[in-house]
């Protein structure tokens, strides 16, 4: 299958969903007032999809793979921040599980795309 635009990339689509969920959850309760963690997790979530798009736009395979690796690292960073939000009581176990599962899916999709 030939990809004609970055919006067709499955990992980008899932990263987009993940970013929206992160924004929604980080806009609730105490989470919304912890500006440091809130902004950091949002930046990491947006970085996932942004790096997929940027890498695609670079045109070369090696550059694309480099940006996909950065994207995967941002997905793992997002997962790490979710643990802090859970430990601080900003997220319920269910919210954490939903967000963590989505970030895990993105990590796997990006990893598979790299391979």
PDB file of N, CA and C in Angstrom:
ATOM      1  N   UNK A   1       0.835  -1.183   0.000  1.00  0.00           N
ATOM      2  CA  UNK A   1       0.000   0.000   0.000  1.00  0.00           C
ATOM      3  C   UNK A   1       0.877   1.243   0.000  1.00  0.00           C
ATOM      4  N   UNK A   2       0.575   2.160  -0.871  1.00  0.00           N
ATOM      5  CA  UNK A   2       1.297   3.420  -0.947  1.00  0.00           C
ATOM      6  C   UNK A   2       0.583   4.461  -0.095  1.00  0.00           C
ATOM      7  N   UNK A   3       1.359   5.112   0.731  1.00  0.00           N
ATOM      8  CA  UNK A   3       0.811   6.179   1.569  1.00  0.00           C
ATOM      9  C   UNK A   3       0.997   7.492   0.829  1.00  0.00           C
ATOM     10  N   UNK A   4      -0.091   8.188   0.606  1.00  0.00           N
ATOM     11  CA  UNK A   4      -0.051   9.438  -0.152  1.00  0.00           C
ATOM     12  C   UNK A   4       0.034  10.682   0.724  1.00  0.00           C
ATOM     13  N   UNK A   5      -0.400  10.529   1.984  1.00  0.00           N
ATOM     14  CA  UNK A   5      -0.327  11.642   2.928  1.00  0.00           C
ATOM     15  C   UNK A   5      -0.228  11.082   4.339  1.00  0.00           C
ATOM     16  N   UNK A   6       0.368  11.862   5.222  1.00  0.00           N
ATOM     17  CA  UNK A   6       0.631  11.339   6.569  1.00  0.00           C
ATOM     18  C   UNK A   6      -0.653  10.975   7.312  1.00  0.00           C
ATOM     19  N   UNK A   7      -1.772  11.602   6.957  1.00  0.00           N
ATOM     20  CA  UNK A   7      -3.035  11.325   7.625  1.00  0.00           C
ATOM     21  C   UNK A   7      -3.527   9.895   7.387  1.00  0.00           C
ATOM     22  N   UNK A   8      -2.935   9.202   6.421  1.00  0.00           N
ATOM     23  CA  UNK A   8      -3.295   7.811   6.135  1.00  0.00           C
ATOM     24  C   UNK A   8      -2.540   6.818   7.011  1.00  0.00           C
ATOM     25  N   UNK A   9      -1.537   7.281   7.716  1.00  0.00           N
ATOM     26  CA  UNK A   9      -0.702   6.402   8.535  1.00  0.00           C
ATOM     27  C   UNK A   9      -1.464   6.020   9.810  1.00  0.00           C
ATOM     28  N   UNK A  10      -1.638   4.721  10.016  1.00  0.00           N
ATOM     29  CA  UNK A  10      -2.431   4.232  11.137  1.00  0.00           C
ATOM     30  C   UNK A  10      -1.884   4.718  12.491  1.00  0.00           C
ATOM     31  N   UNK A  11      -0.578   4.693  12.661  1.00  0.00           N
ATOM     32  CA  UNK A  11      -0.005   5.138  13.938  1.00  0.00           C
ATOM     33  C   UNK A  11      -0.264   6.622  14.164  1.00  0.00           C
ATOM     34  N   UNK A  12      -0.295   7.426  13.102  1.00  0.00           N
ATOM     35  CA  UNK A  12      -0.620   8.850  13.245  1.00  0.00           C
ATOM     36  C   UNK A  12      -2.065   9.017  13.695  1.00  0.00           C
ATOM     37  N   UNK A  13      -2.972   8.237  13.102  1.00  0.00           N
ATOM     38  CA  UNK A  13      -4.393   8.312  13.473  1.00  0.00           C
ATOM     39  C   UNK A  13      -4.586   7.976  14.951  1.00  0.00           C
ATOM     40  N   UNK A  14      -3.930   6.928  15.398  1.00  0.00           N
ATOM     41  CA  UNK A  14      -4.046   6.521  16.801  1.00  0.00           C
ATOM     42  C   UNK A  14      -3.376   7.537  17.736  1.00  0.00           C
ATOM     43  N   UNK A  15      -2.265   8.104  17.291  1.00  0.00           N
ATOM     44  CA  UNK A  15      -1.597   9.137  18.096  1.00  0.00           C
ATOM     45  C   UNK A  15      -2.491  10.364  18.233  1.00  0.00           C
ATOM     46  N   UNK A  16      -3.207  10.680  17.187  1.00  0.00           N
ATOM     47  CA  UNK A  16      -4.153  11.804  17.230  1.00  0.00           C
ATOM     48  C   UNK A  16      -5.236  11.549  18.281  1.00  0.00           C
ATOM     49  N   UNK A  17      -5.805  10.344  18.273  1.00  0.00           N
ATOM     50  CA  UNK A  17      -6.808   9.989  19.282  1.00  0.00           C
ATOM     51  C   UNK A  17      -6.227  10.067  20.691  1.00  0.00           C
ATOM     52  N   UNK A  18      -5.007   9.585  20.829  1.00  0.00           N
ATOM     53  CA  UNK A  18      -4.339   9.620  22.120  1.00  0.00           C
ATOM     54  C   UNK A  18      -4.152  11.051  22.616  1.00  0.00           C
ATOM     55  N   UNK A  19      -3.716  11.936  21.730  1.00  0.00           N
ATOM     56  CA  UNK A  19      -3.500  13.338  22.115  1.00  0.00           C
ATOM     57  C   UNK A  19      -4.798  13.987  22.579  1.00  0.00           C
ATOM     58  N   UNK A  20      -5.877  13.723  21.877  1.00  0.00           N
ATOM     59  CA  UNK A  20      -7.170  14.299  22.260  1.00  0.00           C
ATOM     60  C   UNK A  20      -7.590  13.794  23.636  1.00  0.00           C
ATOM     61  N   UNK A  21      -7.431  12.486  23.875  1.00  0.00           N
ATOM     62  CA  UNK A  21      -7.792  11.916  25.176  1.00  0.00           C
ATOM     63  C   UNK A  21      -6.937  12.512  26.295  1.00  0.00           C
ATOM     64  N   UNK A  22      -5.646  12.687  26.022  1.00  0.00           N
ATOM     65  CA  UNK A  22      -4.751  13.285  27.018  1.00  0.00           C
ATOM     66  C   UNK A  22      -5.212  14.708  27.341  1.00  0.00           C
ATOM     67  N   UNK A  23      -5.526  15.475  26.318  1.00  0.00           N
ATOM     68  CA  UNK A  23      -6.013  16.844  26.543  1.00  0.00           C
ATOM     69  C   UNK A  23      -7.298  16.846  27.363  1.00  0.00           C
ATOM     70  N   UNK A  24      -8.216  15.961  27.041  1.00  0.00           N
ATOM     71  CA  UNK A  24      -9.478  15.908  27.767  1.00  0.00           C
ATOM     72  C   UNK A  24      -9.262  15.560  29.235  1.00  0.00           C
ATOM     73  N   UNK A  25      -8.482  14.533  29.499  1.00  0.00           N
ATOM     74  CA  UNK A  25      -8.265  14.097  30.872  1.00  0.00           C
ATOM     75  C   UNK A  25      -7.431  15.102  31.675  1.00  0.00           C
ATOM     76  N   UNK A  26      -6.488  15.746  31.013  1.00  0.00           N
ATOM     77  CA  UNK A  26      -5.636  16.692  31.743  1.00  0.00           C
ATOM     78  C   UNK A  26      -6.333  18.029  31.958  1.00  0.00           C
ATOM     79  N   UNK A  27      -7.542  18.145  31.494  1.00  0.00           N
ATOM     80  CA  UNK A  27      -8.319  19.370  31.679  1.00  0.00           C
ATOM     81  C   UNK A  27      -9.336  19.221  32.813  1.00  0.00           C
ATOM     82  N   UNK A  28      -9.218  18.146  33.579  1.00  0.00           N
ATOM     83  CA  UNK A  28     -10.172  17.856  34.644  1.00  0.00           C
ATOM     84  C   UNK A  28      -9.517  17.929  36.018  1.00  0.00           C
ATOM     85  N   UNK A  29     -10.297  18.309  36.999  1.00  0.00           N
ATOM     86  CA  UNK A  29      -9.885  18.259  38.398  1.00  0.00           C
ATOM     87  C   UNK A  29      -8.540  18.904  38.696  1.00  0.00           C
ATOM     88  N   UNK A  30      -7.797  18.256  39.589  1.00  0.00           N
ATOM     89  CA  UNK A  30      -6.496  18.773  40.002  1.00  0.00           C
ATOM     90  C   UNK A  30      -5.475  18.741  38.870  1.00  0.00           C
ATOM     91  N   UNK A  31      -5.680  17.829  37.932  1.00  0.00           N
ATOM     92  CA  UNK A  31      -4.744  17.710  36.815  1.00  0.00           C
ATOM     93  C   UNK A  31      -4.628  19.036  36.074  1.00  0.00           C
ATOM     94  N   UNK A  32      -5.730  19.709  35.873  1.00  0.00           N
ATOM     95  CA  UNK A  32      -5.703  20.948  35.077  1.00  0.00           C
ATOM     96  C   UNK A  32      -4.930  22.071  35.763  1.00  0.00           C
ATOM     97  N   UNK A  33      -4.742  21.972  37.085  1.00  0.00           N
ATOM     98  CA  UNK A  33      -4.022  23.035  37.797  1.00  0.00           C
ATOM     99  C   UNK A  33      -2.541  22.726  37.996  1.00  0.00           C
ATOM    100  N   UNK A  34      -2.127  21.511  37.659  1.00  0.00           N
ATOM    101  CA  UNK A  34      -0.704  21.157  37.728  1.00  0.00           C
ATOM    102  C   UNK A  34      -0.102  21.478  36.354  1.00  0.00           C
ATOM    103  N   UNK A  35       0.227  22.744  36.179  1.00  0.00           N
ATOM    104  CA  UNK A  35       0.627  23.237  34.863  1.00  0.00           C
ATOM    105  C   UNK A  35       1.870  22.539  34.323  1.00  0.00           C
ATOM    106  N   UNK A  36       2.798  22.201  35.186  1.00  0.00           N
ATOM    107  CA  UNK A  36       4.022  21.538  34.741  1.00  0.00           C
ATOM    108  C   UNK A  36       3.741  20.176  34.137  1.00  0.00           C
ATOM    109  N   UNK A  37       3.090  19.307  34.906  1.00  0.00           N
ATOM    110  CA  UNK A  37       2.798  17.964  34.409  1.00  0.00           C
ATOM    111  C   UNK A  37       1.805  18.007  33.253  1.00  0.00           C
ATOM    112  N   UNK A  38       0.786  18.834  33.401  1.00  0.00           N
ATOM    113  CA  UNK A  38      -0.229  18.935  32.346  1.00  0.00           C
ATOM    114  C   UNK A  38       0.393  19.327  31.014  1.00  0.00           C
ATOM    115  N   UNK A  39       1.219  20.360  31.044  1.00  0.00           N
ATOM    116  CA  UNK A  39       1.830  20.832  29.802  1.00  0.00           C
ATOM    117  C   UNK A  39       2.847  19.824  29.256  1.00  0.00           C
ATOM    118  N   UNK A  40       3.589  19.175  30.133  1.00  0.00           N
ATOM    119  CA  UNK A  40       4.589  18.206  29.693  1.00  0.00           C
ATOM    120  C   UNK A  40       3.950  16.995  29.021  1.00  0.00           C
ATOM    121  N   UNK A  41       2.889  16.467  29.617  1.00  0.00           N
ATOM    122  CA  UNK A  41       2.245  15.293  29.022  1.00  0.00           C
ATOM    123  C   UNK A  41       1.551  15.659  27.719  1.00  0.00           C
ATOM    124  N   UNK A  42       1.009  16.858  27.653  1.00  0.00           N
ATOM    125  CA  UNK A  42       0.384  17.311  26.407  1.00  0.00           C
ATOM    126  C   UNK A  42       1.423  17.454  25.296  1.00  0.00           C
ATOM    127  N   UNK A  43       2.562  18.045  25.630  1.00  0.00           N
ATOM    128  CA  UNK A  43       3.624  18.202  24.622  1.00  0.00           C
ATOM    129  C   UNK A  43       4.112  16.847  24.131  1.00  0.00           C
ATOM    130  N   UNK A  44       4.277  15.907  25.056  1.00  0.00           N
ATOM    131  CA  UNK A  44       4.737  14.569  24.664  1.00  0.00           C
ATOM    132  C   UNK A  44       3.713  13.888  23.760  1.00  0.00           C
ATOM    133  N   UNK A  45       2.429  14.009  24.092  1.00  0.00           N
ATOM    134  CA  UNK A  45       1.372  13.375  23.290  1.00  0.00           C
ATOM    135  C   UNK A  45       1.298  13.978  21.893  1.00  0.00           C
ATOM    136  N   UNK A  46       1.402  15.285  21.807  1.00  0.00           N
ATOM    137  CA  UNK A  46       1.358  15.946  20.501  1.00  0.00           C
ATOM    138  C   UNK A  46       2.618  15.634  19.703  1.00  0.00           C
ATOM    139  N   UNK A  47       3.728  15.482  20.378  1.00  0.00           N
ATOM    140  CA  UNK A  47       4.998  15.170  19.718  1.00  0.00           C
ATOM    141  C   UNK A  47       4.940  13.840  18.978  1.00  0.00           C
ATOM    142  N   UNK A  48       4.154  12.905  19.483  1.00  0.00           N
ATOM    143  CA  UNK A  48       4.048  11.604  18.830  1.00  0.00           C
ATOM    144  C   UNK A  48       3.559  11.781  17.402  1.00  0.00           C
ATOM    145  N   UNK A  49       2.428  12.437  17.258  1.00  0.00           N
ATOM    146  CA  UNK A  49       1.849  12.598  15.923  1.00  0.00           C
ATOM    147  C   UNK A  49       2.636  13.590  15.080  1.00  0.00           C
ATOM    148  N   UNK A  50       3.187  14.609  15.712  1.00  0.00           N
ATOM    149  CA  UNK A  50       3.950  15.615  14.970  1.00  0.00           C
ATOM    150  C   UNK A  50       5.205  15.012  14.339  1.00  0.00           C
ATOM    151  N   UNK A  51       5.870  14.137  15.052  1.00  0.00           N
ATOM    152  CA  UNK A  51       7.083  13.528  14.510  1.00  0.00           C
ATOM    153  C   UNK A  51       6.790  12.531  13.401  1.00  0.00           C
ATOM    154  N   UNK A  52       5.661  11.858  13.478  1.00  0.00           N
ATOM    155  CA  UNK A  52       5.266  10.981  12.373  1.00  0.00           C
ATOM    156  C   UNK A  52       5.055  11.829  11.124  1.00  0.00           C
ATOM    157  N   UNK A  53       4.325  12.918  11.271  1.00  0.00           N
ATOM    158  CA  UNK A  53       4.050  13.794  10.133  1.00  0.00           C
ATOM    159  C   UNK A  53       5.327  14.433   9.596  1.00  0.00           C
ATOM    160  N   UNK A  54       6.167  14.927  10.495  1.00  0.00           N
ATOM    161  CA  UNK A  54       7.399  15.575  10.052  1.00  0.00           C
ATOM    162  C   UNK A  54       8.318  14.581   9.344  1.00  0.00           C
ATOM    163  N   UNK A  55       8.443  13.400   9.907  1.00  0.00           N
ATOM    164  CA  UNK A  55       9.282  12.383   9.282  1.00  0.00           C
ATOM    165  C   UNK A  55       8.784  12.007   7.896  1.00  0.00           C
ATOM    166  N   UNK A  56       7.485  11.890   7.766  1.00  0.00           N
ATOM    167  CA  UNK A  56       6.895  11.585   6.461  1.00  0.00           C
ATOM    168  C   UNK A  56       7.235  12.687   5.461  1.00  0.00           C
ATOM    169  N   UNK A  57       7.182  13.900   5.921  1.00  0.00           N
ATOM    170  CA  UNK A  57       7.449  15.040   5.043  1.00  0.00           C
ATOM    171  C   UNK A  57       8.903  15.192   4.650  1.00  0.00           C
ATOM    172  N   UNK A  58       9.794  14.531   5.325  1.00  0.00           N
ATOM    173  CA  UNK A  58      11.220  14.619   5.002  1.00  0.00           C
ATOM    174  C   UNK A  58      11.560  13.908   3.696  1.00  0.00           C
ATOM    175  N   UNK A  59      10.728  12.944   3.308  1.00  0.00           N
ATOM    176  CA  UNK A  59      10.908  12.321   2.001  1.00  0.00           C
ATOM    177  C   UNK A  59      11.818  11.113   1.948  1.00  0.00           C
ATOM    178  N   UNK A  60      12.841  11.057   2.745  1.00  0.00           N
ATOM    179  CA  UNK A  60      13.770   9.933   2.701  1.00  0.00           C
ATOM    180  C   UNK A  60      13.453   8.890   3.750  1.00  0.00           C
ATOM    181  N   UNK A  61      13.736   7.647   3.440  1.00  0.00           N
ATOM    182  CA  UNK A  61      13.446   6.541   4.353  1.00  0.00           C
ATOM    183  C   UNK A  61      14.221   6.659   5.666  1.00  0.00           C
ATOM    184  N   UNK A  62      15.500   6.959   5.574  1.00  0.00           N
ATOM    185  CA  UNK A  62      16.322   7.051   6.793  1.00  0.00           C
ATOM    186  C   UNK A  62      15.826   8.173   7.707  1.00  0.00           C
ATOM    187  N   UNK A  63      15.496   9.311   7.125  1.00  0.00           N
ATOM    188  CA  UNK A  63      14.972  10.439   7.923  1.00  0.00           C
ATOM    189  C   UNK A  63      13.634  10.079   8.540  1.00  0.00           C
ATOM    190  N   UNK A  64      12.782   9.426   7.755  1.00  0.00           N
ATOM    191  CA  UNK A  64      11.470   9.031   8.257  1.00  0.00           C
ATOM    192  C   UNK A  64      11.627   8.103   9.453  1.00  0.00           C
ATOM    193  N   UNK A  65      12.504   7.117   9.345  1.00  0.00           N
ATOM    194  CA  UNK A  65      12.726   6.185  10.450  1.00  0.00           C
ATOM    195  C   UNK A  65      13.258   6.912  11.682  1.00  0.00           C
ATOM    196  N   UNK A  66      14.142   7.868  11.472  1.00  0.00           N
ATOM    197  CA  UNK A  66      14.671   8.655  12.610  1.00  0.00           C
ATOM    198  C   UNK A  66      13.533   9.357  13.354  1.00  0.00           C
ATOM    199  N   UNK A  67      12.625   9.957  12.604  1.00  0.00           N
ATOM    200  CA  UNK A  67      11.507  10.660  13.239  1.00  0.00           C
ATOM    201  C   UNK A  67      10.504   9.686  13.853  1.00  0.00           C
ATOM    202  N   UNK A  68      10.341   8.516  13.263  1.00  0.00           N
ATOM    203  CA  UNK A  68       9.473   7.504  13.868  1.00  0.00           C
ATOM    204  C   UNK A  68      10.031   7.052  15.210  1.00  0.00           C
ATOM    205  N   UNK A  69      11.355   6.957  15.298  1.00  0.00           N
ATOM    206  CA  UNK A  69      11.977   6.587  16.587  1.00  0.00           C
ATOM    207  C   UNK A  69      11.744   7.670  17.637  1.00  0.00           C
ATOM    208  N   UNK A  70      11.815   8.916  17.229  1.00  0.00           N
ATOM    209  CA  UNK A  70      11.525  10.025  18.153  1.00  0.00           C
ATOM    210  C   UNK A  70      10.067   9.951  18.585  1.00  0.00           C
ATOM    211  N   UNK A  71       9.188   9.661  17.640  1.00  0.00           N
ATOM    212  CA  UNK A  71       7.767   9.521  17.939  1.00  0.00           C
ATOM    213  C   UNK A  71       7.521   8.415  18.961  1.00  0.00           C
ATOM    214  N   UNK A  72       8.166   7.271  18.755  1.00  0.00           N
ATOM    215  CA  UNK A  72       8.026   6.154  19.692  1.00  0.00           C
ATOM    216  C   UNK A  72       8.530   6.551  21.079  1.00  0.00           C
ATOM    217  N   UNK A  73       9.622   7.273  21.134  1.00  0.00           N
ATOM    218  CA  UNK A  73      10.147   7.734  22.425  1.00  0.00           C
ATOM    219  C   UNK A  73       9.160   8.678  23.110  1.00  0.00           C
ATOM    220  N   UNK A  74       8.504   9.526  22.343  1.00  0.00           N
ATOM    221  CA  UNK A  74       7.498  10.431  22.913  1.00  0.00           C
ATOM    222  C   UNK A  74       6.302   9.654  23.449  1.00  0.00           C
ATOM    223  N   UNK A  75       5.940   8.556  22.794  1.00  0.00           N
ATOM    224  CA  UNK A  75       4.852   7.714  23.291  1.00  0.00           C
ATOM    225  C   UNK A  75       5.224   7.087  24.635  1.00  0.00           C
ATOM    226  N   UNK A  76       6.464   6.659  24.749  1.00  0.00           N
ATOM    227  CA  UNK A  76       6.934   6.099  26.021  1.00  0.00           C
ATOM    228  C   UNK A  76       7.020   7.179  27.100  1.00  0.00           C
ATOM    229  N   UNK A  77       7.427   8.371  26.709  1.00  0.00           N
ATOM    230  CA  UNK A  77       7.441   9.498  27.652  1.00  0.00           C
ATOM    231  C   UNK A  77       6.028   9.773  28.156  1.00  0.00           C
ATOM    232  N   UNK A  78       5.064   9.742  27.262  1.00  0.00           N
ATOM    233  CA  UNK A  78       3.668   9.958  27.647  1.00  0.00           C
ATOM    234  C   UNK A  78       3.237   8.910  28.663  1.00  0.00           C
ATOM    235  N   UNK A  79       3.586   7.659  28.414  1.00  0.00           N
ATOM    236  CA  UNK A  79       3.237   6.593  29.356  1.00  0.00           C
ATOM    237  C   UNK A  79       3.848   6.852  30.731  1.00  0.00           C
ATOM    238  N   UNK A  80       5.073   7.301  30.755  1.00  0.00           N
ATOM    239  CA  UNK A  80       5.744   7.579  32.023  1.00  0.00           C
ATOM    240  C   UNK A  80       5.030   8.697  32.791  1.00  0.00           C
ATOM    241  N   UNK A  81       4.648   9.742  32.090  1.00  0.00           N
ATOM    242  CA  UNK A  81       3.924  10.851  32.730  1.00  0.00           C
ATOM    243  C   UNK A  81       2.572  10.392  33.277  1.00  0.00           C
ATOM    244  N   UNK A  82       1.958   9.438  32.597  1.00  0.00           N
ATOM    245  CA  UNK A  82       0.667   8.927  33.072  1.00  0.00           C
ATOM    246  C   UNK A  82       0.800   8.297  34.453  1.00  0.00           C
ATOM    247  N   UNK A  83       1.925   7.655  34.724  1.00  0.00           N
ATOM    248  CA  UNK A  83       2.135   7.066  36.048  1.00  0.00           C
ATOM    249  C   UNK A  83       2.179   8.141  37.130  1.00  0.00           C
ATOM    250  N   UNK A  84       2.803   9.266  36.832  1.00  0.00           N
ATOM    251  CA  UNK A  84       2.846  10.360  37.802  1.00  0.00           C
ATOM    252  C   UNK A  84       1.427  10.867  38.061  1.00  0.00           C
ATOM    253  N   UNK A  85       0.662  11.046  36.982  1.00  0.00           N
ATOM    254  CA  UNK A  85      -0.722  11.515  37.132  1.00  0.00           C
ATOM    255  C   UNK A  85      -1.553  10.531  37.954  1.00  0.00           C
ATOM    256  N   UNK A  86      -1.329   9.248  37.755  1.00  0.00           N
ATOM    257  CA  UNK A  86      -2.026   8.229  38.545  1.00  0.00           C
ATOM    258  C   UNK A  86      -1.608   8.309  40.007  1.00  0.00           C
ATOM    259  N   UNK A  87      -0.299   8.357  40.242  1.00  0.00           N
ATOM    260  CA  UNK A  87       0.221   8.376  41.613  1.00  0.00           C
ATOM    261  C   UNK A  87      -0.226   9.609  42.389  1.00  0.00           C
ATOM    262  N   UNK A  88      -0.435  10.714  41.691  1.00  0.00           N
ATOM    263  CA  UNK A  88      -0.883  11.948  42.348  1.00  0.00           C
ATOM    264  C   UNK A  88      -2.399  12.020  42.487  1.00  0.00           C
ATOM    265  N   UNK A  89      -3.095  11.015  41.967  1.00  0.00           N
ATOM    266  CA  UNK A  89      -4.550  10.990  42.075  1.00  0.00           C
ATOM    267  C   UNK A  89      -5.257  11.844  41.041  1.00  0.00           C
ATOM    268  N   UNK A  90      -4.538  12.259  40.016  1.00  0.00           N
ATOM    269  CA  UNK A  90      -5.155  13.067  38.956  1.00  0.00           C
ATOM    270  C   UNK A  90      -5.990  12.208  38.020  1.00  0.00           C
ATOM    271  N   UNK A  91      -5.669  10.930  37.948  1.00  0.00           N
ATOM    272  CA  UNK A  91      -6.385   9.980  37.096  1.00  0.00           C
ATOM    273  C   UNK A  91      -6.855   8.809  37.942  1.00  0.00           C
ATOM    274  N   UNK A  92      -8.037   8.312  37.642  1.00  0.00           N
ATOM    275  CA  UNK A  92      -8.483   7.067  38.268  1.00  0.00           C
ATOM    276  C   UNK A  92      -7.734   5.914  37.595  1.00  0.00           C
ATOM    277  N   UNK A  93      -7.801   4.754  38.195  1.00  0.00           N
ATOM    278  CA  UNK A  93      -7.165   3.580  37.587  1.00  0.00           C
ATOM    279  C   UNK A  93      -7.746   3.301  36.207  1.00  0.00           C
ATOM    280  N   UNK A  94      -9.031   3.503  36.066  1.00  0.00           N
ATOM    281  CA  UNK A  94      -9.689   3.268  34.777  1.00  0.00           C
ATOM    282  C   UNK A  94      -9.220   4.278  33.725  1.00  0.00           C
ATOM    283  N   UNK A  95      -9.156   5.547  34.100  1.00  0.00           N
ATOM    284  CA  UNK A  95      -8.666   6.573  33.164  1.00  0.00           C
ATOM    285  C   UNK A  95      -7.225   6.288  32.772  1.00  0.00           C
ATOM    286  N   UNK A  96      -6.407   5.957  33.772  1.00  0.00           N
ATOM    287  CA  UNK A  96      -5.020   5.619  33.507  1.00  0.00           C
ATOM    288  C   UNK A  96      -4.939   4.454  32.522  1.00  0.00           C
ATOM    289  N   UNK A  97      -5.704   3.402  32.786  1.00  0.00           N
ATOM    290  CA  UNK A  97      -5.670   2.228  31.927  1.00  0.00           C
ATOM    291  C   UNK A  97      -6.036   2.554  30.488  1.00  0.00           C
ATOM    292  N   UNK A  98      -7.069   3.353  30.311  1.00  0.00           N
ATOM    293  CA  UNK A  98      -7.494   3.741  28.963  1.00  0.00           C
ATOM    294  C   UNK A  98      -6.397   4.511  28.240  1.00  0.00           C
ATOM    295  N   UNK A  99      -5.823   5.502  28.919  1.00  0.00           N
ATOM    296  CA  UNK A  99      -4.779   6.328  28.299  1.00  0.00           C
ATOM    297  C   UNK A  99      -3.494   5.532  28.072  1.00  0.00           C
ATOM    298  N   UNK A 100      -3.136   4.709  29.026  1.00  0.00           N
ATOM    299  CA  UNK A 100      -1.922   3.909  28.914  1.00  0.00           C
ATOM    300  C   UNK A 100      -2.061   2.890  27.787  1.00  0.00           C
ATOM    301  N   UNK A 101      -3.222   2.247  27.694  1.00  0.00           N
ATOM    302  CA  UNK A 101      -3.453   1.281  26.618  1.00  0.00           C
ATOM    303  C   UNK A 101      -3.356   1.951  25.245  1.00  0.00           C
ATOM    304  N   UNK A 102      -3.900   3.151  25.131  1.00  0.00           N
ATOM    305  CA  UNK A 102      -3.833   3.872  23.858  1.00  0.00           C
ATOM    306  C   UNK A 102      -2.386   4.215  23.509  1.00  0.00           C
ATOM    307  N   UNK A 103      -1.625   4.664  24.498  1.00  0.00           N
ATOM    308  CA  UNK A 103      -0.210   4.989  24.258  1.00  0.00           C
ATOM    309  C   UNK A 103       0.588   3.733  23.913  1.00  0.00           C
ATOM    310  N   UNK A 104       0.241   2.612  24.536  1.00  0.00           N
ATOM    311  CA  UNK A 104       0.903   1.343  24.224  1.00  0.00           C
ATOM    312  C   UNK A 104       0.613   0.933  22.787  1.00  0.00           C
ATOM    313  N   UNK A 105      -0.630   1.083  22.373  1.00  0.00           N
ATOM    314  CA  UNK A 105      -1.002   0.773  20.994  1.00  0.00           C
ATOM    315  C   UNK A 105      -0.191   1.618  20.015  1.00  0.00           C
ATOM    316  N   UNK A 106      -0.097   2.906  20.298  1.00  0.00           N
ATOM    317  CA  UNK A 106       0.675   3.802  19.426  1.00  0.00           C
ATOM    318  C   UNK A 106       2.133   3.366  19.382  1.00  0.00           C
ATOM    319  N   UNK A 107       2.702   3.041  20.525  1.00  0.00           N
ATOM    320  CA  UNK A 107       4.095   2.589  20.590  1.00  0.00           C
ATOM    321  C   UNK A 107       4.303   1.351  19.719  1.00  0.00           C
ATOM    322  N   UNK A 108       3.389   0.401  19.824  1.00  0.00           N
ATOM    323  CA  UNK A 108       3.488  -0.827  19.021  1.00  0.00           C
ATOM    324  C   UNK A 108       3.338  -0.538  17.530  1.00  0.00           C
ATOM    325  N   UNK A 109       2.378   0.300  17.176  1.00  0.00           N
ATOM    326  CA  UNK A 109       2.162   0.627  15.752  1.00  0.00           C
ATOM    327  C   UNK A 109       3.372   1.331  15.158  1.00  0.00           C
ATOM    328  N   UNK A 110       3.926   2.275  15.890  1.00  0.00           N
ATOM    329  CA  UNK A 110       5.108   2.991  15.390  1.00  0.00           C
ATOM    330  C   UNK A 110       6.283   2.021  15.268  1.00  0.00           C
ATOM    331  N   UNK A 111       6.466   1.179  16.270  1.00  0.00           N
ATOM    332  CA  UNK A 111       7.540   0.188  16.221  1.00  0.00           C
ATOM    333  C   UNK A 111       7.402  -0.746  15.026  1.00  0.00           C
ATOM    334  N   UNK A 112       6.185  -1.196  14.768  1.00  0.00           N
ATOM    335  CA  UNK A 112       5.930  -2.079  13.630  1.00  0.00           C
ATOM    336  C   UNK A 112       6.193  -1.340  12.315  1.00  0.00           C
ATOM    337  N   UNK A 113       5.857  -0.067  12.273  1.00  0.00           N
ATOM    338  CA  UNK A 113       6.066   0.730  11.060  1.00  0.00           C
ATOM    339  C   UNK A 113       7.562   0.901  10.804  1.00  0.00           C
ATOM    340  N   UNK A 114       8.326   1.064  11.849  1.00  0.00           N
ATOM    341  CA  UNK A 114       9.781   1.184  11.712  1.00  0.00           C
ATOM    342  C   UNK A 114      10.340  -0.103  11.107  1.00  0.00           C
ATOM    343  N   UNK A 115       9.862  -1.234  11.607  1.00  0.00           N
ATOM    344  CA  UNK A 115      10.352  -2.527  11.107  1.00  0.00           C
ATOM    345  C   UNK A 115       9.860  -2.794   9.702  1.00  0.00           C
TER     346      UNK A 115
END
